[in-house]
C-alpha atoms as a PDB file:
ATOM      1  CA  UNK A   1      82.967 116.645  86.932  1.00  0.00           C
ATOM      2  CA  UNK A   2      82.841 112.824  86.652  1.00  0.00           C
ATOM      3  CA  UNK A   3      80.032 111.160  88.569  1.00  0.00           C
ATOM      4  CA  UNK A   4      82.400 109.124  90.766  1.00  0.00           C
ATOM      5  CA  UNK A   5      84.032 112.325  92.013  1.00  0.00           C
ATOM      6  CA  UNK A   6      80.709 113.377  93.588  1.00  0.00           C
ATOM      7  CA  UNK A   7      80.096 110.110  95.452  1.00  0.00           C
ATOM      8  CA  UNK A   8      80.718 110.274  99.182  1.00  0.00           C
ATOM      9  CA  UNK A   9      82.898 107.621 100.746  1.00  0.00           C
ATOM     10  CA  UNK A  10      81.190 105.506 103.354  1.00  0.00           C
ATOM     11  CA  UNK A  11      77.918 103.663 103.691  1.00  0.00           C
ATOM     12  CA  UNK A  12      74.281 104.565 103.283  1.00  0.00           C
ATOM     13  CA  UNK A  13      71.642 104.243 106.009  1.00  0.00           C
ATOM     14  CA  UNK A  14      71.525 100.453 105.510  1.00  0.00           C
ATOM     15  CA  UNK A  15      75.294 100.060 105.829  1.00  0.00           C
ATOM     16  CA  UNK A  16      75.755  99.333 102.112  1.00  0.00           C
ATOM     17  CA  UNK A  17      78.774 101.143 100.582  1.00  0.00           C
ATOM     18  CA  UNK A  18      77.716 104.289  98.740  1.00  0.00           C
ATOM     19  CA  UNK A  19      80.104 103.545  95.871  1.00  0.00           C
ATOM     20  CA  UNK A  20      78.379 100.205  95.244  1.00  0.00           C
ATOM     21  CA  UNK A  21      74.922 101.772  95.339  1.00  0.00           C
ATOM     22  CA  UNK A  22      75.992 104.540  92.932  1.00  0.00           C
ATOM     23  CA  UNK A  23      77.340 101.929  90.513  1.00  0.00           C
ATOM     24  CA  UNK A  24      74.130  99.900  90.761  1.00  0.00           C
ATOM     25  CA  UNK A  25      75.841  96.850  92.265  1.00  0.00           C
ATOM     26  CA  UNK A  26      74.217  94.325  94.574  1.00  0.00           C
ATOM     27  CA  UNK A  27      75.893  93.307  97.817  1.00  0.00           C
ATOM     28  CA  UNK A  28      77.054  90.022  96.238  1.00  0.00           C
ATOM     29  CA  UNK A  29      78.454  91.798  93.155  1.00  0.00           C
ATOM     30  CA  UNK A  30      80.246  94.376  95.245  1.00  0.00           C
ATOM     31  CA  UNK A  31      82.041  91.780  97.357  1.00  0.00           C
ATOM     32  CA  UNK A  32      83.533  90.281  94.190  1.00  0.00           C
ATOM     33  CA  UNK A  33      84.844  93.545  92.733  1.00  0.00           C
ATOM     34  CA  UNK A  34      87.756  93.562  90.317  1.00  0.00           C
ATOM     35  CA  UNK A  35      89.441  96.762  89.189  1.00  0.00           C
ATOM     36  CA  UNK A  36      91.221  96.573  85.832  1.00  0.00           C
ATOM     37  CA  UNK A  37      93.589  99.478  85.245  1.00  0.00           C
ATOM     38  CA  UNK A  38      96.191 100.231  82.622  1.00  0.00           C
ATOM     39  CA  UNK A  39      99.110 101.288  84.810  1.00  0.00           C
ATOM     40  CA  UNK A  40     100.367 100.993  88.385  1.00  0.00           C
ATOM     41  CA  UNK A  41      98.722 103.654  90.583  1.00  0.00           C
ATOM     42  CA  UNK A  42      95.729 104.130  88.223  1.00  0.00           C
ATOM     43  CA  UNK A  43      93.480 102.478  90.818  1.00  0.00           C
ATOM     44  CA  UNK A  44      94.587 105.080  93.340  1.00  0.00           C
ATOM     45  CA  UNK A  45      93.989 107.941  90.921  1.00  0.00           C
ATOM     46  CA  UNK A  46      90.630 106.554  89.793  1.00  0.00           C
ATOM     47  CA  UNK A  47      88.999 105.335  93.003  1.00  0.00           C
ATOM     48  CA  UNK A  48      91.556 106.024  95.735  1.00  0.00           C
ATOM     49  CA  UNK A  49      88.996 107.624  98.016  1.00  0.00           C
ATOM     50  CA  UNK A  50      86.840 104.504  97.831  1.00  0.00           C
ATOM     51  CA  UNK A  51      89.466 101.747  98.119  1.00  0.00           C
ATOM     52  CA  UNK A  52      88.627 101.142 101.782  1.00  0.00           C
ATOM     53  CA  UNK A  53      85.096 100.250 100.640  1.00  0.00           C
ATOM     54  CA  UNK A  54      86.587  97.483  98.460  1.00  0.00           C
ATOM     55  CA  UNK A  55      88.480  95.333 100.983  1.00  0.00           C
ATOM     56  CA  UNK A  56      88.282  92.162  98.897  1.00  0.00           C
ATOM     57  CA  UNK A  57      88.906  93.759  95.508  1.00  0.00           C
ATOM     58  CA  UNK A  58      91.274  92.186  93.034  1.00  0.00           C
ATOM     59  CA  UNK A  59      93.322  94.864  91.270  1.00  0.00           C
ATOM     60  CA  UNK A  60      94.635  93.904  87.832  1.00  0.00           C
ATOM     61  CA  UNK A  61      97.267  96.125  86.235  1.00  0.00           C
ATOM     62  CA  UNK A  62      97.596  95.642  82.476  1.00  0.00           C
ATOM     63  CA  UNK A  63     101.223  96.812  82.404  1.00  0.00           C
ATOM     64  CA  UNK A  64     104.160  96.816  84.783  1.00  0.00           C
ATOM     65  CA  UNK A  65     104.745 100.531  84.250  1.00  0.00           C
ATOM     66  CA  UNK A  66     108.113 100.102  82.542  1.00  0.00           C
ATOM     67  CA  UNK A  67     108.619 102.240  79.429  1.00  0.00           C
ATOM     68  CA  UNK A  68     109.154 100.711  75.990  1.00  0.00           C
ATOM     69  CA  UNK A  69     111.856 103.272  75.285  1.00  0.00           C
ATOM     70  CA  UNK A  70     114.437 102.982  78.047  1.00  0.00           C
ATOM     71  CA  UNK A  71     116.082 106.357  77.299  1.00  0.00           C
ATOM     72  CA  UNK A  72     114.503 108.179  80.261  1.00  0.00           C
ATOM     73  CA  UNK A  73     114.833 105.225  82.613  1.00  0.00           C
ATOM     74  CA  UNK A  74     118.488 104.783  81.647  1.00  0.00           C
ATOM     75  CA  UNK A  75     119.212 108.412  82.534  1.00  0.00           C
ATOM     76  CA  UNK A  76     117.916 107.639  86.033  1.00  0.00           C
ATOM     77  CA  UNK A  77     120.219 104.643  86.390  1.00  0.00           C
ATOM     78  CA  UNK A  78     117.918 101.754  85.486  1.00  0.00           C
ATOM     79  CA  UNK A  79     119.711  99.174  83.366  1.00  0.00           C
ATOM     80  CA  UNK A  80     116.682  97.185  82.243  1.00  0.00           C
ATOM     81  CA  UNK A  81     112.890  97.317  81.960  1.00  0.00           C
ATOM     82  CA  UNK A  82     112.694  94.733  84.763  1.00  0.00           C
ATOM     83  CA  UNK A  83     114.775  96.900  87.088  1.00  0.00           C
ATOM     84  CA  UNK A  84     112.557  99.912  86.356  1.00  0.00           C
ATOM     85  CA  UNK A  85     109.346  97.939  86.841  1.00  0.00           C
END
C-alpha cells in the first residue's frame, strides 16, 4: 500500500496538517503547495482525502483530458476536442 494511503487526514497535536508532516514539509512550504497532475481528476484520485488540508494549493493539469483520437468522443456526440474537454 502506498505511504500516502496510510496517512490520516487532519492535524497533529500542534495543529500542523498530518499530510505536510508526513511529506517532510515546513509550514511555509505547505502553504505554497502546488499539485502537478497529468489529467483532470488525478488530484482527486491521488490526494482527494487530503485536499481540505491544502486550501491554498495550485492544481496544474498537464492535459485537458481530451483524447487525441476522437473516435470514442465522436460516438458520444462530441464534434471536437474542445467540446469534449
